[in-house]
Amino acid sequence: MNQAIILAGGTGQRMRTSGLPKQFLMVYNKPVIIYTIEKFVLCNDIDMIAIVCNPQYIDYMQDILSKYSFMKKIIITPGGKDRQGSVLNGINAIIQNGGQQDDIIVIHDGVRPLVEQATISENISVAKKYGCAMTVKPVIESVIITDENSSSFKDFKKRDSTYSLTSPQTFKLSILEKVYKEVQGVITPIPLLDAALAYAYLGNKIPIVKEYNHNIKITTAEDYYFFKALLELQENKNVFGLI
């Protein structure tokens, strides 16, 4: 089976809002998280979805889901103290609901509502072949590696070999479990932000899936309004038959 872990445990501190976490903010009468869930529900390659939610908002999340008639199995599990803990909770929830070692697990940010179904499917295809995959987007601007004050010529990187890391990230369940067990065994804690970095930290290489759309992560107020604008643009294209 192919199963999704959607991470929706954030508190939205960088959003500078005093109300709901960003994944629950309304955009055209629909919460951001529902836009994300819909992409996975509509993807024919996904069999089940596990939503990892801030424990304080589990009832709220259940209430939101009750308003939609999704045809796929969706479970909700509490988030951890950090991203690693939340992914582990998602893994455990999938195992408790019948997950098998050869299942494909697609990990995605709940606040990336514009992911394309084709990207999800390609992640699954690559992970079935190689055991894992991560989504990247080619950068537009030139990139340098720098300290706080200066850079040299060798610090400039070619754009055609430089990408930003987005999501989803996808693994066979057996590999994902092994990665997190090994990372937890590291004596000195390491600040790993996601599964791909943990896998690479252990000396592995990860096949990439390139994407070119606006798979933005809603982190700031500016991102929120950009998302709204992109939805309006898409609607206008539909109305005028431009796609």
C-alpha atoms as a PDB file:
ATOM      1  CA  MET A   1       0.000   0.000   0.000  1.00  0.00           C
ATOM      2  CA  ASN A   2       0.945   3.640  -0.451  1.00  0.00           C
ATOM      3  CA  GLN A   3       0.266   5.741   2.614  1.00  0.00           C
ATOM      4  CA  ALA A   4       0.637   9.452   3.307  1.00  0.00           C
ATOM      5  CA  ILE A   5       1.793  11.162   6.478  1.00  0.00           C
ATOM      6  CA  ILE A   6       0.617  14.773   6.459  1.00  0.00           C
ATOM      7  CA  LEU A   7       2.372  16.854   9.104  1.00  0.00           C
ATOM      8  CA  ALA A   8      -0.056  19.359  10.622  1.00  0.00           C
ATOM      9  CA  GLY A   9       1.375  19.887  14.084  1.00  0.00           C
ATOM     10  CA  GLY A  10       2.759  23.401  13.688  1.00  0.00           C
ATOM     11  CA  THR A  11       1.771  26.274  15.943  1.00  0.00           C
ATOM     12  CA  GLY A  12       2.258  29.039  13.368  1.00  0.00           C
ATOM     13  CA  GLN A  13       4.652  31.140  15.455  1.00  0.00           C
ATOM     14  CA  ARG A  14       6.350  32.626  12.373  1.00  0.00           C
ATOM     15  CA  MET A  15       2.946  33.612  11.011  1.00  0.00           C
ATOM     16  CA  ARG A  16       2.665  36.297  13.695  1.00  0.00           C
ATOM     17  CA  THR A  17      -1.028  35.570  14.198  1.00  0.00           C
ATOM     18  CA  SER A  18      -2.714  35.326  17.571  1.00  0.00           C
ATOM     19  CA  GLY A  19      -5.408  32.882  16.475  1.00  0.00           C
ATOM     20  CA  LEU A  20      -5.355  29.482  14.800  1.00  0.00           C
ATOM     21  CA  PRO A  21      -2.226  27.707  13.553  1.00  0.00           C
ATOM     22  CA  LYS A  22      -1.585  28.398   9.870  1.00  0.00           C
ATOM     23  CA  GLN A  23      -2.814  24.978   8.696  1.00  0.00           C
ATOM     24  CA  PHE A  24      -6.296  25.872   9.926  1.00  0.00           C
ATOM     25  CA  LEU A  25      -6.511  29.368   8.450  1.00  0.00           C
ATOM     26  CA  MET A  26      -9.431  29.800   6.072  1.00  0.00           C
ATOM     27  CA  VAL A  27      -8.865  30.530   2.388  1.00  0.00           C
ATOM     28  CA  TYR A  28     -12.060  31.026   0.385  1.00  0.00           C
ATOM     29  CA  ASN A  29     -14.118  29.254   3.066  1.00  0.00           C
ATOM     30  CA  LYS A  30     -11.820  26.233   3.288  1.00  0.00           C
ATOM     31  CA  PRO A  31      -8.961  25.526   5.744  1.00  0.00           C
ATOM     32  CA  VAL A  32      -5.458  25.310   4.285  1.00  0.00           C
ATOM     33  CA  ILE A  33      -5.088  21.739   5.555  1.00  0.00           C
ATOM     34  CA  ILE A  34      -8.129  20.619   3.556  1.00  0.00           C
ATOM     35  CA  TYR A  35      -6.577  21.886   0.312  1.00  0.00           C
ATOM     36  CA  THR A  36      -3.577  19.691   1.130  1.00  0.00           C
ATOM     37  CA  ILE A  37      -5.609  16.636   2.098  1.00  0.00           C
ATOM     38  CA  GLU A  38      -7.657  16.910  -1.093  1.00  0.00           C
ATOM     39  CA  LYS A  39      -4.530  16.512  -3.222  1.00  0.00           C
ATOM     40  CA  PHE A  40      -3.803  13.159  -1.570  1.00  0.00           C
ATOM     41  CA  VAL A  41      -7.422  12.015  -1.603  1.00  0.00           C
ATOM     42  CA  LEU A  42      -7.616  12.714  -5.342  1.00  0.00           C
ATOM     43  CA  CYS A  43      -4.312  10.958  -6.058  1.00  0.00           C
ATOM     44  CA  ASN A  44      -5.153   7.433  -7.223  1.00  0.00           C
ATOM     45  CA  ASP A  45      -1.819   6.133  -5.928  1.00  0.00           C
ATOM     46  CA  ILE A  46      -2.586   6.924  -2.270  1.00  0.00           C
ATOM     47  CA  ASP A  47      -4.480   4.339  -0.209  1.00  0.00           C
ATOM     48  CA  MET A  48      -4.583   5.858   3.286  1.00  0.00           C
ATOM     49  CA  ILE A  49      -3.737   9.168   4.967  1.00  0.00           C
ATOM     50  CA  ALA A  50      -2.393   9.745   8.484  1.00  0.00           C
ATOM     51  CA  ILE A  51      -2.660  13.326   9.715  1.00  0.00           C
ATOM     52  CA  VAL A  52      -0.180  14.194  12.462  1.00  0.00           C
ATOM     53  CA  CYS A  53      -1.837  16.977  14.428  1.00  0.00           C
ATOM     54  CA  ASN A  54      -0.989  19.233  17.349  1.00  0.00           C
ATOM     55  CA  PRO A  55      -2.578  17.390  20.321  1.00  0.00           C
ATOM     56  CA  GLN A  56      -4.447  20.540  21.351  1.00  0.00           C
ATOM     57  CA  TYR A  57      -6.201  20.643  17.970  1.00  0.00           C
ATOM     58  CA  ILE A  58      -7.120  16.993  17.387  1.00  0.00           C
ATOM     59  CA  ASP A  59     -10.803  17.582  18.189  1.00  0.00           C
ATOM     60  CA  TYR A  60     -10.736  20.649  15.951  1.00  0.00           C
ATOM     61  CA  MET A  61      -9.187  18.598  13.136  1.00  0.00           C
ATOM     62  CA  GLN A  62     -11.810  15.880  13.544  1.00  0.00           C
ATOM     63  CA  ASP A  63     -14.556  18.489  13.403  1.00  0.00           C
ATOM     64  CA  ILE A  64     -13.128  19.892  10.159  1.00  0.00           C
ATOM     65  CA  LEU A  65     -12.898  16.444   8.558  1.00  0.00           C
ATOM     66  CA  SER A  66     -16.500  15.674   9.520  1.00  0.00           C
ATOM     67  CA  LYS A  67     -17.610  18.410   7.139  1.00  0.00           C
ATOM     68  CA  TYR A  68     -16.110  16.630   4.123  1.00  0.00           C
ATOM     69  CA  SER A  69     -17.029  13.278   2.602  1.00  0.00           C
ATOM     70  CA  PHE A  70     -13.600  11.930   1.751  1.00  0.00           C
ATOM     71  CA  MET A  71     -13.690   8.429   0.285  1.00  0.00           C
ATOM     72  CA  LYS A  72     -10.288   7.339   1.608  1.00  0.00           C
ATOM     73  CA  LYS A  73      -9.398   6.223   5.104  1.00  0.00           C
ATOM     74  CA  ILE A  74      -8.011   9.124   7.133  1.00  0.00           C
ATOM     75  CA  ILE A  75      -6.632   8.733  10.643  1.00  0.00           C
ATOM     76  CA  ILE A  76      -5.425  11.410  13.065  1.00  0.00           C
ATOM     77  CA  THR A  77      -2.532  10.972  15.477  1.00  0.00           C
ATOM     78  CA  PRO A  78      -0.884  13.412  17.934  1.00  0.00           C
ATOM     79  CA  GLY A  79       2.252  15.255  16.881  1.00  0.00           C
ATOM     80  CA  GLY A  80       5.586  14.981  18.687  1.00  0.00           C
ATOM     81  CA  LYS A  81       7.739  17.634  20.312  1.00  0.00           C
ATOM     82  CA  ASP A  82       9.544  18.249  16.994  1.00  0.00           C
ATOM     83  CA  ARG A  83       9.387  17.176  13.345  1.00  0.00           C
ATOM     84  CA  GLN A  84      11.260  13.934  13.981  1.00  0.00           C
ATOM     85  CA  GLY A  85       8.872  13.036  16.778  1.00  0.00           C
ATOM     86  CA  SER A  86       5.868  13.828  14.599  1.00  0.00           C
ATOM     87  CA  VAL A  87       7.121  11.628  11.756  1.00  0.00           C
ATOM     88  CA  LEU A  88       7.731   8.797  14.231  1.00  0.00           C
ATOM     89  CA  ASN A  89       4.195   9.174  15.566  1.00  0.00           C
ATOM     90  CA  GLY A  90       2.907   9.036  12.003  1.00  0.00           C
ATOM     91  CA  ILE A  91       4.913   5.874  11.314  1.00  0.00           C
ATOM     92  CA  ASN A  92       3.577   4.218  14.468  1.00  0.00           C
ATOM     93  CA  ALA A  93      -0.002   5.167  13.583  1.00  0.00           C
ATOM     94  CA  ILE A  94       0.379   3.590  10.147  1.00  0.00           C
ATOM     95  CA  ILE A  95       1.838   0.395  11.633  1.00  0.00           C
ATOM     96  CA  GLN A  96      -1.022   0.216  14.153  1.00  0.00           C
ATOM     97  CA  ASN A  97      -3.449   0.470  11.231  1.00  0.00           C
ATOM     98  CA  GLY A  98      -1.974  -2.433   9.312  1.00  0.00           C
ATOM     99  CA  GLY A  99       1.099  -0.885   7.704  1.00  0.00           C
ATOM    100  CA  GLN A 100       3.563  -3.385   6.229  1.00  0.00           C
ATOM    101  CA  GLN A 101       7.339  -3.167   5.822  1.00  0.00           C
ATOM    102  CA  ASP A 102       7.151  -2.850   2.034  1.00  0.00           C
ATOM    103  CA  ASP A 103       4.531  -0.068   2.134  1.00  0.00           C
ATOM    104  CA  ILE A 104       5.477   3.263   0.588  1.00  0.00           C
ATOM    105  CA  ILE A 105       5.207   6.219   2.979  1.00  0.00           C
ATOM    106  CA  VAL A 106       4.800   9.709   1.517  1.00  0.00           C
ATOM    107  CA  ILE A 107       5.639  12.455   4.041  1.00  0.00           C
ATOM    108  CA  HIS A 108       4.243  15.905   3.268  1.00  0.00           C
ATOM    109  CA  ASP A 109       3.903  19.288   4.952  1.00  0.00           C
ATOM    110  CA  GLY A 110       0.299  20.131   5.756  1.00  0.00           C
ATOM    111  CA  VAL A 111       0.968  23.743   4.794  1.00  0.00           C
ATOM    112  CA  ARG A 112       2.064  22.897   1.239  1.00  0.00           C
ATOM    113  CA  PRO A 113      -1.433  22.818  -0.302  1.00  0.00           C
ATOM    114  CA  LEU A 114      -0.341  23.239  -3.932  1.00  0.00           C
ATOM    115  CA  VAL A 115       1.555  19.981  -4.354  1.00  0.00           C
ATOM    116  CA  GLU A 116       0.641  18.331  -7.651  1.00  0.00           C
ATOM    117  CA  GLN A 117      -0.765  14.825  -7.819  1.00  0.00           C
ATOM    118  CA  ALA A 118       1.837  14.010 -10.488  1.00  0.00           C
ATOM    119  CA  THR A 119       4.594  14.864  -7.999  1.00  0.00           C
ATOM    120  CA  ILE A 120       3.062  12.541  -5.410  1.00  0.00           C
ATOM    121  CA  SER A 121       2.783   9.722  -7.938  1.00  0.00           C
ATOM    122  CA  GLU A 122       6.336  10.188  -9.201  1.00  0.00           C
ATOM    123  CA  ASN A 123       7.637  10.085  -5.614  1.00  0.00           C
ATOM    124  CA  ILE A 124       5.890   6.759  -5.130  1.00  0.00           C
ATOM    125  CA  SER A 125       7.218   5.361  -8.407  1.00  0.00           C
ATOM    126  CA  VAL A 126      10.818   6.346  -7.608  1.00  0.00           C
ATOM    127  CA  ALA A 127      10.592   5.062  -4.022  1.00  0.00           C
ATOM    128  CA  LYS A 128       9.255   1.708  -5.202  1.00  0.00           C
ATOM    129  CA  LYS A 129      12.302   1.368  -7.438  1.00  0.00           C
ATOM    130  CA  TYR A 130      15.024   2.807  -5.191  1.00  0.00           C
ATOM    131  CA  GLY A 131      13.539   2.721  -1.697  1.00  0.00           C
ATOM    132  CA  CYS A 132      13.243   6.485  -1.288  1.00  0.00           C
ATOM    133  CA  ALA A 133      12.759   9.817  -3.054  1.00  0.00           C
ATOM    134  CA  MET A 134      12.778  13.512  -2.207  1.00  0.00           C
ATOM    135  CA  THR A 135      11.150  16.416  -4.012  1.00  0.00           C
ATOM    136  CA  VAL A 136      13.291  19.347  -5.104  1.00  0.00           C
ATOM    137  CA  LYS A 137      12.729  22.517  -7.073  1.00  0.00           C
ATOM    138  CA  PRO A 138      15.383  24.145  -9.297  1.00  0.00           C
ATOM    139  CA  VAL A 139      16.480  27.509  -7.933  1.00  0.00           C
ATOM    140  CA  ILE A 140      16.048  30.633 -10.035  1.00  0.00           C
ATOM    141  CA  GLU A 141      18.574  32.929  -8.397  1.00  0.00           C
ATOM    142  CA  SER A 142      22.306  32.277  -8.169  1.00  0.00           C
ATOM    143  CA  VAL A 143      23.394  30.621  -4.920  1.00  0.00           C
ATOM    144  CA  ILE A 144      26.489  31.058  -2.763  1.00  0.00           C
ATOM    145  CA  ILE A 145      27.727  29.394   0.401  1.00  0.00           C
ATOM    146  CA  THR A 146      28.895  32.094   2.778  1.00  0.00           C
ATOM    147  CA  ASP A 147      29.909  32.918   6.300  1.00  0.00           C
ATOM    148  CA  GLU A 148      28.410  35.959   7.987  1.00  0.00           C
ATOM    149  CA  ASN A 149      30.516  38.541   6.187  1.00  0.00           C
ATOM    150  CA  SER A 150      32.079  37.354   2.927  1.00  0.00           C
ATOM    151  CA  SER A 151      32.401  34.758   0.148  1.00  0.00           C
ATOM    152  CA  SER A 152      34.999  33.670  -2.388  1.00  0.00           C
ATOM    153  CA  PHE A 153      34.708  32.433  -5.978  1.00  0.00           C
ATOM    154  CA  LYS A 154      34.540  28.780  -4.929  1.00  0.00           C
ATOM    155  CA  ASP A 155      31.453  29.568  -2.849  1.00  0.00           C
ATOM    156  CA  PHE A 156      29.341  30.334  -5.938  1.00  0.00           C
ATOM    157  CA  LYS A 157      27.237  27.374  -7.076  1.00  0.00           C
ATOM    158  CA  LYS A 158      25.939  26.611 -10.560  1.00  0.00           C
ATOM    159  CA  ARG A 159      22.189  27.080 -10.778  1.00  0.00           C
ATOM    160  CA  ASP A 160      21.707  23.982 -12.928  1.00  0.00           C
ATOM    161  CA  SER A 161      22.943  21.797 -10.066  1.00  0.00           C
ATOM    162  CA  THR A 162      21.304  23.670  -7.177  1.00  0.00           C
ATOM    163  CA  TYR A 163      17.825  22.940  -5.848  1.00  0.00           C
ATOM    164  CA  SER A 164      15.616  23.870  -2.932  1.00  0.00           C
ATOM    165  CA  LEU A 165      14.282  20.973  -0.885  1.00  0.00           C
ATOM    166  CA  THR A 166      10.476  20.846  -0.693  1.00  0.00           C
ATOM    167  CA  SER A 167       8.104  17.960  -0.033  1.00  0.00           C
ATOM    168  CA  PRO A 168       6.863  15.259  -0.251  1.00  0.00           C
ATOM    169  CA  GLN A 169       9.662  12.950   0.821  1.00  0.00           C
ATOM    170  CA  THR A 170       8.991   9.276   0.300  1.00  0.00           C
ATOM    171  CA  PHE A 171      10.394   6.034   1.732  1.00  0.00           C
ATOM    172  CA  LYS A 172       9.650   2.368   2.058  1.00  0.00           C
ATOM    173  CA  LEU A 173       8.392   1.867   5.594  1.00  0.00           C
ATOM    174  CA  SER A 174      11.226  -0.541   6.432  1.00  0.00           C
ATOM    175  CA  ILE A 175      13.843   2.048   5.434  1.00  0.00           C
ATOM    176  CA  LEU A 176      12.083   4.879   7.253  1.00  0.00           C
ATOM    177  CA  GLU A 177      11.897   2.899  10.484  1.00  0.00           C
ATOM    178  CA  LYS A 178      15.571   1.968  10.241  1.00  0.00           C
ATOM    179  CA  VAL A 179      16.635   5.577   9.612  1.00  0.00           C
ATOM    180  CA  TYR A 180      14.893   6.933  12.696  1.00  0.00           C
ATOM    181  CA  LYS A 181      16.128   4.111  14.908  1.00  0.00           C
ATOM    182  CA  GLU A 182      19.717   4.796  13.829  1.00  0.00           C
ATOM    183  CA  VAL A 183      19.370   8.560  14.238  1.00  0.00           C
ATOM    184  CA  GLN A 184      17.975   8.113  17.744  1.00  0.00           C
ATOM    185  CA  GLY A 185      21.079   6.103  18.564  1.00  0.00           C
ATOM    186  CA  VAL A 186      23.414   9.019  17.838  1.00  0.00           C
ATOM    187  CA  ILE A 187      25.112  10.009  21.106  1.00  0.00           C
ATOM    188  CA  THR A 188      25.313  13.719  20.290  1.00  0.00           C
ATOM    189  CA  PRO A 189      21.899  15.080  19.245  1.00  0.00           C
ATOM    190  CA  ILE A 190      21.846  16.392  15.672  1.00  0.00           C
ATOM    191  CA  PRO A 191      19.426  19.063  14.418  1.00  0.00           C
ATOM    192  CA  LEU A 192      17.831  17.082  11.575  1.00  0.00           C
ATOM    193  CA  LEU A 193      14.816  18.822  10.106  1.00  0.00           C
ATOM    194  CA  ASP A 194      13.341  15.994   8.047  1.00  0.00           C
ATOM    195  CA  ALA A 195      13.578  12.373   6.947  1.00  0.00           C
ATOM    196  CA  ALA A 196      15.701  13.103   3.869  1.00  0.00           C
ATOM    197  CA  LEU A 197      18.368  14.870   5.918  1.00  0.00           C
ATOM    198  CA  ALA A 198      18.373  12.035   8.447  1.00  0.00           C
ATOM    199  CA  TYR A 199      18.796   9.488   5.641  1.00  0.00           C
ATOM    200  CA  ALA A 200      21.622  11.484   4.063  1.00  0.00           C
ATOM    201  CA  TYR A 201      23.295  11.998   7.457  1.00  0.00           C
ATOM    202  CA  LEU A 202      23.642   8.229   7.679  1.00  0.00           C
ATOM    203  CA  GLY A 203      25.670   8.220   4.454  1.00  0.00           C
ATOM    204  CA  ASN A 204      22.949   7.413   1.934  1.00  0.00           C
ATOM    205  CA  LYS A 205      22.131   9.026  -1.407  1.00  0.00           C
ATOM    206  CA  ILE A 206      18.555   9.958  -2.253  1.00  0.00           C
ATOM    207  CA  PRO A 207      17.022  10.008  -5.762  1.00  0.00           C
ATOM    208  CA  ILE A 208      15.321  13.312  -6.537  1.00  0.00           C
ATOM    209  CA  VAL A 209      11.959  14.172  -8.060  1.00  0.00           C
ATOM    210  CA  LYS A 210      12.009  17.570  -9.747  1.00  0.00           C
ATOM    211  CA  GLU A 211       8.998  19.849  -9.581  1.00  0.00           C
ATOM    212  CA  TYR A 212       8.414  23.187 -11.253  1.00  0.00           C
ATOM    213  CA  ASN A 213       5.094  24.432  -9.861  1.00  0.00           C
ATOM    214  CA  HIS A 214       4.383  26.781  -6.939  1.00  0.00           C
ATOM    215  CA  ASN A 215       4.523  24.169  -4.172  1.00  0.00           C
ATOM    216  CA  ILE A 216       4.931  26.889  -1.570  1.00  0.00           C
ATOM    217  CA  LYS A 217       5.101  26.314   2.166  1.00  0.00           C
ATOM    218  CA  ILE A 218       2.795  28.713   3.995  1.00  0.00           C
ATOM    219  CA  THR A 219       5.072  30.020   6.721  1.00  0.00           C
ATOM    220  CA  THR A 220       4.491  33.784   6.781  1.00  0.00           C
ATOM    221  CA  ALA A 221       1.551  36.108   6.198  1.00  0.00           C
ATOM    222  CA  GLU A 222       3.027  36.899   2.782  1.00  0.00           C
ATOM    223  CA  ASP A 223       2.900  33.187   1.879  1.00  0.00           C
ATOM    224  CA  TYR A 224      -0.751  33.063   2.900  1.00  0.00           C
ATOM    225  CA  TYR A 225      -1.714  35.911   0.594  1.00  0.00           C
ATOM    226  CA  PHE A 226       0.425  34.478  -2.209  1.00  0.00           C
ATOM    227  CA  PHE A 227      -1.494  31.214  -1.890  1.00  0.00           C
ATOM    228  CA  LYS A 228      -4.789  33.083  -2.128  1.00  0.00           C
ATOM    229  CA  ALA A 229      -3.563  34.894  -5.244  1.00  0.00           C
ATOM    230  CA  LEU A 230      -2.487  31.634  -6.883  1.00  0.00           C
ATOM    231  CA  LEU A 231      -5.909  30.100  -6.239  1.00  0.00           C
ATOM    232  CA  GLU A 232      -7.576  33.138  -7.779  1.00  0.00           C
ATOM    233  CA  LEU A 233      -5.262  32.932 -10.788  1.00  0.00           C
ATOM    234  CA  GLN A 234      -6.116  29.248 -11.254  1.00  0.00           C
ATOM    235  CA  GLU A 235      -9.834  30.000 -11.041  1.00  0.00           C
ATOM    236  CA  ASN A 236      -9.532  32.755 -13.641  1.00  0.00           C
ATOM    237  CA  LYS A 237      -7.680  30.383 -15.966  1.00  0.00           C
ATOM    238  CA  ASN A 238     -10.486  27.863 -15.588  1.00  0.00           C
ATOM    239  CA  VAL A 239     -13.184  30.461 -16.259  1.00  0.00           C
ATOM    240  CA  PHE A 240     -11.492  31.763 -19.395  1.00  0.00           C
ATOM    241  CA  GLY A 241     -10.401  28.362 -20.670  1.00  0.00           C
ATOM    242  CA  LEU A 242      -6.689  29.123 -20.475  1.00  0.00           C
ATOM    243  CA  ILE A 243      -5.701  25.625 -19.335  1.00  0.00           C
END
